[in-house]
Amino acid sequence: MSENPFKIIEPREEIPATVKKEVMGSVKSVVLLLRFVQLFIGDFTSVFIDKFKTNAPKNK
């Protein structure tokens, strides 16, 4: 059986380079994805609320 992947890493231990590379790659991918979503959607809550308002603007 292989080594336990969920073993607790002590503070004095060095993180394996492969794990560090995988985690940083995943973080960079998520950040890039979030930036693209932010670029195209912007503030989606205000857009959503504006589309479904029930009170029509009053022009006097």
N, C-alpha and C. Protein backbone atom coordinates (compact mmCIF):
# COMPACT_ATOMS: atom_id res chain seq x y z
N MET A 1 0.85 -1.19 0.00
CA MET A 1 0.00 0.00 0.00
C MET A 1 0.89 1.24 0.00
N SER A 2 0.45 2.28 -0.71
CA SER A 2 1.26 3.50 -0.81
C SER A 2 1.15 4.33 0.47
N GLU A 3 1.96 5.35 0.52
CA GLU A 3 1.98 6.24 1.69
C GLU A 3 0.67 7.02 1.80
N ASN A 4 0.25 7.33 3.01
CA ASN A 4 -0.99 8.03 3.25
C ASN A 4 -0.90 9.46 2.70
N PRO A 5 -1.77 9.85 1.74
CA PRO A 5 -1.71 11.21 1.18
C PRO A 5 -2.25 12.26 2.15
N PHE A 6 -2.95 11.83 3.20
CA PHE A 6 -3.54 12.77 4.15
C PHE A 6 -2.73 12.89 5.43
N LYS A 7 -1.49 12.48 5.37
CA LYS A 7 -0.65 12.54 6.56
C LYS A 7 -0.43 13.99 6.95
N ILE A 8 -0.35 14.24 8.23
CA ILE A 8 -0.15 15.59 8.75
C ILE A 8 1.31 15.98 8.57
N ILE A 9 1.53 17.14 7.96
CA ILE A 9 2.89 17.63 7.77
C ILE A 9 3.23 18.52 8.96
N GLU A 10 4.28 18.17 9.64
CA GLU A 10 4.72 18.95 10.79
C GLU A 10 5.31 20.28 10.30
N PRO A 11 5.22 21.33 11.12
CA PRO A 11 5.76 22.63 10.70
C PRO A 11 7.24 22.59 10.36
N ARG A 12 7.98 21.71 10.97
CA ARG A 12 9.42 21.65 10.71
C ARG A 12 9.74 20.86 9.44
N GLU A 13 8.76 20.14 8.90
CA GLU A 13 8.97 19.37 7.68
C GLU A 13 8.84 20.25 6.44
N GLU A 14 9.56 19.91 5.41
CA GLU A 14 9.47 20.62 4.13
C GLU A 14 8.37 19.98 3.29
N ILE A 15 7.58 20.81 2.64
CA ILE A 15 6.51 20.31 1.78
C ILE A 15 7.16 19.73 0.52
N PRO A 16 6.71 18.55 0.08
CA PRO A 16 7.27 17.98 -1.15
C PRO A 16 7.08 18.92 -2.34
N ALA A 17 8.09 18.99 -3.19
CA ALA A 17 8.05 19.92 -4.33
C ALA A 17 6.90 19.61 -5.28
N THR A 18 6.58 18.33 -5.46
CA THR A 18 5.49 17.98 -6.37
C THR A 18 4.14 18.47 -5.85
N VAL A 19 3.94 18.34 -4.55
CA VAL A 19 2.68 18.81 -3.96
C VAL A 19 2.58 20.32 -4.05
N LYS A 20 3.68 20.98 -3.76
CA LYS A 20 3.70 22.45 -3.82
C LYS A 20 3.40 22.93 -5.24
N LYS A 21 3.98 22.27 -6.25
CA LYS A 21 3.77 22.64 -7.64
C LYS A 21 2.30 22.42 -8.05
N GLU A 22 1.71 21.30 -7.62
CA GLU A 22 0.30 21.00 -7.94
C GLU A 22 -0.64 22.02 -7.32
N VAL A 23 -0.39 22.37 -6.05
CA VAL A 23 -1.26 23.31 -5.35
C VAL A 23 -1.16 24.69 -5.99
N MET A 24 0.05 25.14 -6.26
CA MET A 24 0.21 26.46 -6.86
C MET A 24 -0.39 26.51 -8.27
N GLY A 25 -0.28 25.42 -9.02
CA GLY A 25 -0.90 25.36 -10.34
C GLY A 25 -2.42 25.45 -10.24
N SER A 26 -2.99 24.76 -9.26
CA SER A 26 -4.44 24.80 -9.06
C SER A 26 -4.90 26.18 -8.64
N VAL A 27 -4.15 26.82 -7.75
CA VAL A 27 -4.51 28.16 -7.29
C VAL A 27 -4.46 29.15 -8.45
N LYS A 28 -3.41 29.06 -9.28
CA LYS A 28 -3.30 29.96 -10.43
C LYS A 28 -4.46 29.76 -11.40
N SER A 29 -4.87 28.51 -11.61
CA SER A 29 -5.98 28.22 -12.51
C SER A 29 -7.28 28.81 -11.98
N VAL A 30 -7.52 28.66 -10.69
CA VAL A 30 -8.75 29.18 -10.08
C VAL A 30 -8.77 30.70 -10.14
N VAL A 31 -7.64 31.34 -9.86
CA VAL A 31 -7.56 32.80 -9.92
C VAL A 31 -7.83 33.29 -11.34
N LEU A 32 -7.25 32.63 -12.32
CA LEU A 32 -7.47 33.01 -13.71
C LEU A 32 -8.94 32.86 -14.09
N LEU A 33 -9.55 31.76 -13.69
CA LEU A 33 -10.96 31.53 -13.97
C LEU A 33 -11.83 32.61 -13.32
N LEU A 34 -11.55 32.95 -12.07
CA LEU A 34 -12.33 33.97 -11.38
C LEU A 34 -12.17 35.34 -12.03
N ARG A 35 -10.98 35.64 -12.53
CA ARG A 35 -10.77 36.92 -13.20
C ARG A 35 -11.55 36.99 -14.51
N PHE A 36 -11.61 35.89 -15.25
CA PHE A 36 -12.40 35.88 -16.48
C PHE A 36 -13.88 36.04 -16.16
N VAL A 37 -14.35 35.38 -15.14
CA VAL A 37 -15.77 35.51 -14.74
C VAL A 37 -16.05 36.95 -14.34
N GLN A 38 -15.16 37.54 -13.58
CA GLN A 38 -15.34 38.92 -13.15
C GLN A 38 -15.32 39.87 -14.35
N LEU A 39 -14.49 39.58 -15.33
CA LEU A 39 -14.39 40.42 -16.51
C LEU A 39 -15.68 40.44 -17.31
N PHE A 40 -16.29 39.27 -17.50
CA PHE A 40 -17.47 39.19 -18.36
C PHE A 40 -18.78 39.37 -17.61
N ILE A 41 -18.81 39.08 -16.35
CA ILE A 41 -20.07 39.18 -15.60
C ILE A 41 -20.11 40.45 -14.76
N GLY A 42 -18.99 40.87 -14.23
CA GLY A 42 -18.96 42.07 -13.41
C GLY A 42 -19.74 41.85 -12.12
N ASP A 43 -20.58 42.78 -11.81
CA ASP A 43 -21.38 42.69 -10.59
C ASP A 43 -22.71 42.01 -10.94
N PHE A 44 -22.70 40.68 -10.89
CA PHE A 44 -23.87 39.94 -11.35
C PHE A 44 -25.09 40.16 -10.46
N THR A 45 -24.91 40.50 -9.19
CA THR A 45 -26.08 40.70 -8.32
C THR A 45 -26.87 41.93 -8.75
N SER A 46 -26.18 43.03 -9.10
CA SER A 46 -26.92 44.23 -9.51
C SER A 46 -27.59 44.00 -10.86
N VAL A 47 -26.93 43.25 -11.75
CA VAL A 47 -27.54 42.94 -13.05
C VAL A 47 -28.78 42.09 -12.83
N PHE A 48 -28.69 41.11 -11.98
CA PHE A 48 -29.82 40.23 -11.70
C PHE A 48 -30.98 41.02 -11.10
N ILE A 49 -30.70 41.89 -10.16
CA ILE A 49 -31.75 42.68 -9.51
C ILE A 49 -32.39 43.63 -10.51
N ASP A 50 -31.57 44.28 -11.36
CA ASP A 50 -32.11 45.21 -12.36
C ASP A 50 -33.04 44.51 -13.34
N LYS A 51 -32.74 43.29 -13.71
CA LYS A 51 -33.55 42.57 -14.68
C LYS A 51 -34.90 42.14 -14.12
N PHE A 52 -34.97 41.96 -12.82
CA PHE A 52 -36.19 41.44 -12.22
C PHE A 52 -36.90 42.42 -11.29
N LYS A 53 -36.66 43.71 -11.47
CA LYS A 53 -37.35 44.71 -10.65
C LYS A 53 -38.82 44.73 -11.02
N THR A 54 -39.66 44.92 -10.02
CA THR A 54 -41.10 44.99 -10.28
C THR A 54 -41.60 46.43 -10.30
N ASN A 55 -40.85 47.35 -9.74
CA ASN A 55 -41.26 48.74 -9.71
C ASN A 55 -40.74 49.45 -10.96
N ALA A 56 -41.64 49.95 -11.78
CA ALA A 56 -41.24 50.68 -12.98
C ALA A 56 -40.78 52.07 -12.58
N PRO A 57 -39.80 52.62 -13.28
CA PRO A 57 -39.36 53.99 -12.95
C PRO A 57 -40.50 55.00 -13.24
N LYS A 58 -40.62 55.99 -12.38
CA LYS A 58 -41.68 56.99 -12.52
C LYS A 58 -41.12 58.20 -13.25
N ASN A 59 -41.67 58.47 -14.40
CA ASN A 59 -41.28 59.67 -15.17
C ASN A 59 -42.36 60.72 -15.02
N LYS A 60 -41.99 61.86 -14.48
CA LYS A 60 -42.98 62.93 -14.28
C LYS A 60 -42.66 64.11 -15.12
